[in-house]
Amino acid sequence: MKIAPTLVLILAVSAVVAPVSQAMPDSEATPGRLLLRRYADAIVTVKGSVIFRATMDDRALPAQENKIDVSGTVVTPTGLTVTSLSLVDPKTLFDNLRAKIPSGQDLKLIQGDFQNLRLAFGDGTELPAKIVWRDADHDVALLAPTDPLPAGRTLTCVNLNEAPAAAIVLGTYFQVSRASEAMRRMPVVYPCTVIGIAERPRRMIIVNTDAVGCPIFDLQGRALGICLRLVVKNEFSGVVVVPSSDLVDIENQITPL
């Protein structure tokens, strides 16, 4: 069979451009496998919706529903969960929406109500939840179950107190997260690398992954931090790792770990 010259060229270029997939050495892959096994159940999905009631130039607008579907990390045995404030908080969601409205139009939020806010676990169980703390500077929302845990149930959590002393640029780390709903939220683990560290306006670690609401671990299984969004003047500016020490400080404003 004669192959068309154009196809030959496409195949040749693809062979050069396509990355070569290679398995990690066992010495590096084993910590990732252990992390996935240990922490998969600590990664949950924050679900629900926000119903907006707003006015435009003093005229009432039809109520608008905004679905919530974002990953979160359980950080205490009682179910306290860290997720992205800018993806769940009614006011923050509305401010982001208002930033896209052409100037000259007066859009005001009258009311924003949660409906069926809950923590969905990998085994299919769900717990009703509520937001108990907001920190816009770090894009942190802390959620807690509203009902007591079922009898005999214990929750897997990430201990943020067990953190490495510092991030290492070009160091090897792992992120534990979950795949999309179409893939049944199966737990996954990614090798990732710290590619930069910012010190201002606050310490932020930059990695080459962007699974918001999910933790980053070093090879010893210590939590470097959790990936959250950087929002500046209502504009999404990227994903950064909020260090574990900052998150512990925030958590301790509610209750000591």
Protein backbone atom coordinates (compact mmCIF):
# COMPACT_ATOMS: atom_id res chain seq x y z
CA MET A 1 0.00 0.00 0.00
CA LYS A 2 1.37 3.36 -1.00
CA ILE A 3 1.25 6.04 1.72
CA ALA A 4 0.52 9.61 0.67
CA PRO A 5 3.52 11.97 1.08
CA THR A 6 1.41 14.33 3.24
CA LEU A 7 0.63 11.54 5.68
CA VAL A 8 4.29 10.55 5.84
CA LEU A 9 5.17 14.15 6.74
CA ILE A 10 2.47 14.30 9.44
CA LEU A 11 3.69 11.04 10.98
CA ALA A 12 7.29 12.22 10.93
CA VAL A 13 6.48 15.52 12.59
CA SER A 14 4.29 13.77 15.19
CA ALA A 15 7.13 11.44 16.08
CA VAL A 16 9.41 14.40 16.75
CA VAL A 17 6.90 16.57 18.62
CA ALA A 18 5.03 13.96 20.69
CA PRO A 19 6.49 13.48 24.18
CA VAL A 20 7.95 10.08 24.99
CA SER A 21 6.05 8.43 27.83
CA GLN A 22 8.38 6.73 30.28
CA ALA A 23 7.61 5.00 33.52
CA MET A 24 9.07 6.59 36.64
CA PRO A 25 11.78 4.62 38.43
CA ASP A 26 10.32 2.57 41.28
CA SER A 27 12.33 4.60 43.79
CA GLU A 28 10.32 7.68 42.75
CA ALA A 29 7.00 6.04 41.85
CA THR A 30 6.60 4.05 45.08
CA PRO A 31 6.06 7.15 47.29
CA GLY A 32 3.37 8.34 44.87
CA ARG A 33 1.56 5.01 44.96
CA LEU A 34 1.66 5.00 48.76
CA LEU A 35 0.32 8.56 48.91
CA LEU A 36 -2.57 7.65 46.61
CA ARG A 37 -3.45 4.68 48.78
CA ARG A 38 -3.18 6.68 52.00
CA TYR A 39 -4.91 9.92 51.05
CA ALA A 40 -7.40 9.15 48.25
CA ASP A 41 -10.30 9.20 50.73
CA ALA A 42 -9.26 12.65 52.00
CA ILE A 43 -10.05 14.19 48.61
CA VAL A 44 -13.75 15.04 48.38
CA THR A 45 -16.01 16.92 46.00
CA VAL A 46 -17.81 20.00 47.30
CA LYS A 47 -21.21 20.00 45.61
CA GLY A 48 -24.32 22.13 45.63
CA SER A 49 -25.49 25.36 44.06
CA VAL A 50 -25.88 29.06 44.77
CA ILE A 51 -29.06 30.89 43.86
CA PHE A 52 -28.39 34.55 43.00
CA ARG A 53 -31.02 37.25 43.24
CA ALA A 54 -29.80 40.52 41.78
CA THR A 55 -30.84 43.81 40.20
CA MET A 56 -29.57 45.52 37.07
CA ASP A 57 -30.04 49.30 37.15
CA ASP A 58 -32.57 48.77 39.97
CA ARG A 59 -34.59 46.24 37.92
CA ALA A 60 -34.99 42.79 39.44
CA LEU A 61 -33.39 40.03 37.39
CA PRO A 62 -34.59 36.41 37.23
CA ALA A 63 -32.94 34.22 39.87
CA GLN A 64 -29.79 32.58 38.55
CA GLU A 65 -28.39 29.24 39.69
CA ASN A 66 -24.64 28.67 39.81
CA LYS A 67 -23.58 25.02 40.22
CA ILE A 68 -20.78 24.19 42.65
CA ASP A 69 -18.53 21.24 41.82
CA VAL A 70 -14.98 21.61 43.12
CA SER A 71 -12.45 19.42 44.90
CA GLY A 72 -11.62 19.84 48.56
CA THR A 73 -9.22 18.30 51.06
CA VAL A 74 -10.33 16.99 54.46
CA VAL A 75 -7.80 18.26 57.02
CA THR A 76 -9.22 17.13 60.39
CA PRO A 77 -10.84 13.89 61.61
CA THR A 78 -14.08 15.82 62.18
CA GLY A 79 -14.35 16.63 58.46
CA LEU A 80 -13.06 20.22 58.25
CA THR A 81 -12.39 20.68 54.54
CA VAL A 82 -10.30 23.20 52.59
CA THR A 83 -11.49 24.33 49.18
CA SER A 84 -11.35 27.39 46.91
CA LEU A 85 -13.34 30.36 48.20
CA SER A 86 -13.64 31.92 44.75
CA LEU A 87 -15.40 28.79 43.46
CA VAL A 88 -17.99 28.42 46.24
CA ASP A 89 -18.66 31.72 48.04
CA PRO A 90 -21.78 33.59 46.78
CA LYS A 91 -20.30 37.07 47.15
CA THR A 92 -17.00 36.09 45.55
CA LEU A 93 -18.77 34.31 42.69
CA PHE A 94 -20.98 37.34 42.17
CA ASP A 95 -18.06 39.80 42.29
CA ASN A 96 -16.32 37.72 39.62
CA LEU A 97 -19.49 37.84 37.51
CA ARG A 98 -19.92 41.58 38.02
CA ALA A 99 -16.34 42.21 36.88
CA LYS A 100 -17.38 40.95 33.43
CA ILE A 101 -20.34 43.34 33.11
CA PRO A 102 -19.73 46.35 30.82
CA SER A 103 -19.12 49.59 32.69
CA GLY A 104 -22.16 51.81 33.11
CA GLN A 105 -24.46 48.97 34.16
CA ASP A 106 -25.25 48.79 37.86
CA LEU A 107 -25.44 45.13 38.86
CA LYS A 108 -26.17 44.55 42.56
CA LEU A 109 -26.41 41.35 44.55
CA ILE A 110 -29.57 41.23 46.65
CA GLN A 111 -29.25 37.70 47.99
CA GLY A 112 -27.16 34.60 47.48
CA ASP A 113 -28.35 31.34 49.01
CA PHE A 114 -26.77 27.90 49.09
CA GLN A 115 -28.81 24.89 48.09
CA ASN A 116 -27.84 21.38 49.13
CA LEU A 117 -24.20 22.17 49.94
CA ARG A 118 -22.44 18.90 50.73
CA LEU A 119 -19.22 16.92 50.82
CA ALA A 120 -19.22 13.97 48.43
CA PHE A 121 -16.80 11.14 49.21
CA GLY A 122 -15.23 8.62 46.91
CA ASP A 123 -17.39 5.79 48.22
CA GLY A 124 -20.54 7.63 47.14
CA THR A 125 -21.63 8.87 50.56
CA GLU A 126 -22.40 12.56 51.07
CA LEU A 127 -22.50 14.77 54.16
CA PRO A 128 -24.42 18.07 54.35
CA ALA A 129 -21.95 20.91 54.97
CA LYS A 130 -21.65 24.62 55.57
CA ILE A 131 -18.92 27.23 55.17
CA VAL A 132 -17.44 28.06 58.58
CA TRP A 133 -14.58 30.37 57.54
CA ARG A 134 -13.58 32.57 54.62
CA ASP A 135 -10.16 34.00 53.82
CA ALA A 136 -10.22 35.92 50.54
CA ASP A 137 -6.48 36.74 50.60
CA HIS A 138 -5.59 33.04 50.46
CA ASP A 139 -8.72 31.96 48.51
CA VAL A 140 -9.57 29.62 51.40
CA ALA A 141 -13.03 28.41 52.29
CA LEU A 142 -13.32 26.02 55.22
CA LEU A 143 -16.35 23.76 55.28
CA ALA A 144 -17.59 21.50 58.04
CA PRO A 145 -20.27 18.80 58.11
CA THR A 146 -23.53 20.07 59.63
CA ASP A 147 -24.57 16.64 60.93
CA PRO A 148 -22.67 14.29 63.25
CA LEU A 149 -20.66 11.62 61.49
CA PRO A 150 -22.43 8.27 61.16
CA ALA A 151 -21.71 5.89 64.02
CA GLY A 152 -18.41 4.12 63.53
CA ARG A 153 -17.32 6.31 60.62
CA THR A 154 -13.85 7.80 60.66
CA LEU A 155 -12.58 10.26 58.06
CA THR A 156 -9.21 10.13 56.36
CA CYS A 157 -7.54 13.52 56.62
CA VAL A 158 -4.33 15.30 55.62
CA ASN A 159 -2.37 16.50 58.67
CA LEU A 160 -1.09 19.92 57.65
CA ASN A 161 1.11 20.05 60.74
CA GLU A 162 3.34 17.42 59.13
CA ALA A 163 4.86 19.76 56.56
CA PRO A 164 8.35 20.05 55.08
CA ALA A 165 10.44 22.94 56.37
CA ALA A 166 10.63 24.56 52.92
CA ALA A 167 9.76 24.04 49.28
CA ILE A 168 12.61 23.17 46.94
CA VAL A 169 12.60 24.66 43.44
CA LEU A 170 12.74 21.85 40.87
CA GLY A 171 12.11 19.37 43.66
CA THR A 172 9.87 16.38 42.97
CA TYR A 173 6.43 16.28 44.60
CA PHE A 174 3.09 14.50 44.13
CA GLN A 175 -0.46 15.78 43.96
CA VAL A 176 -3.33 13.51 44.98
CA SER A 177 -6.65 14.46 43.39
CA ARG A 178 -9.69 13.00 41.67
CA ALA A 179 -10.61 12.68 38.02
CA SER A 180 -13.71 14.26 36.48
CA GLU A 181 -17.27 13.15 37.13
CA ALA A 182 -17.30 11.46 33.73
CA MET A 183 -14.44 9.28 35.04
CA ARG A 184 -16.40 8.53 38.22
CA ARG A 185 -14.13 10.72 40.36
CA MET A 186 -11.50 8.00 40.47
CA PRO A 187 -8.51 8.93 42.68
CA VAL A 188 -5.37 9.88 40.76
CA VAL A 189 -1.83 10.93 41.60
CA TYR A 190 0.41 13.24 39.58
CA PRO A 191 4.15 13.77 39.86
CA CYS A 192 4.78 17.52 39.86
CA THR A 193 7.59 19.99 40.29
CA VAL A 194 7.98 23.26 42.16
CA ILE A 195 8.88 25.77 39.47
CA GLY A 196 8.93 28.97 41.52
CA ILE A 197 8.33 30.57 44.90
CA ALA A 198 6.82 34.03 45.35
CA GLU A 199 7.35 35.98 48.58
CA ARG A 200 5.06 38.95 47.92
CA PRO A 201 2.35 39.91 48.61
CA ARG A 202 2.56 36.63 50.55
CA ARG A 203 4.38 33.34 50.20
CA MET A 204 3.04 31.31 47.27
CA ILE A 205 4.50 28.17 45.75
CA ILE A 206 4.10 27.60 42.03
CA VAL A 207 3.90 24.06 40.68
CA ASN A 208 3.24 22.63 37.23
CA THR A 209 -0.21 21.28 38.10
CA ASP A 210 -3.54 22.99 38.64
CA ALA A 211 -5.95 20.68 40.49
CA VAL A 212 -7.61 23.27 42.73
CA GLY A 213 -8.49 22.15 46.25
CA CYS A 214 -6.03 19.25 46.25
CA PRO A 215 -2.86 18.71 48.31
CA ILE A 216 0.79 18.55 47.26
CA PHE A 217 3.13 16.13 49.08
CA ASP A 218 6.87 15.64 49.18
CA LEU A 219 8.48 12.23 48.78
CA GLN A 220 8.29 11.66 52.54
CA GLY A 221 4.50 12.12 52.49
CA ARG A 222 4.49 15.54 54.15
CA ALA A 223 1.95 18.07 52.91
CA LEU A 224 3.60 21.05 51.24
CA GLY A 225 0.21 22.78 50.93
CA ILE A 226 -3.01 22.85 48.92
CA CYS A 227 -3.55 24.22 45.42
CA LEU A 228 -5.89 27.21 45.40
CA ARG A 229 -6.65 30.07 43.03
CA LEU A 230 -4.91 33.44 42.95
CA VAL A 231 -7.60 36.07 42.38
CA VAL A 232 -6.51 39.68 41.96
CA LYS A 233 -9.15 42.40 41.59
CA ASN A 234 -11.77 39.75 40.78
CA GLU A 235 -9.57 38.33 38.03
CA PHE A 236 -8.27 34.75 38.08
CA SER A 237 -4.47 34.96 37.87
CA GLY A 238 -3.42 31.33 38.17
CA VAL A 239 -3.16 28.42 40.59
CA VAL A 240 -0.71 28.50 43.48
CA VAL A 241 0.06 26.29 46.45
CA VAL A 242 -0.94 27.89 49.75
CA PRO A 243 1.66 26.58 52.25
CA SER A 244 0.51 24.22 55.00
CA SER A 245 1.74 26.63 57.68
CA ASP A 246 -0.60 29.36 56.40
CA LEU A 247 -3.52 26.94 56.33
CA VAL A 248 -2.80 25.79 59.89
CA ASP A 249 -2.85 29.42 61.04
CA ILE A 250 -6.26 29.86 59.38
CA GLU A 251 -7.64 26.63 60.85
CA ASN A 252 -6.47 27.58 64.34
CA GLN A 253 -8.70 30.64 64.21
CA ILE A 254 -11.63 28.22 64.37
CA THR A 255 -10.31 25.47 66.60
CA PRO A 256 -6.86 24.15 67.48
CA LEU A 257 -5.82 21.15 65.41
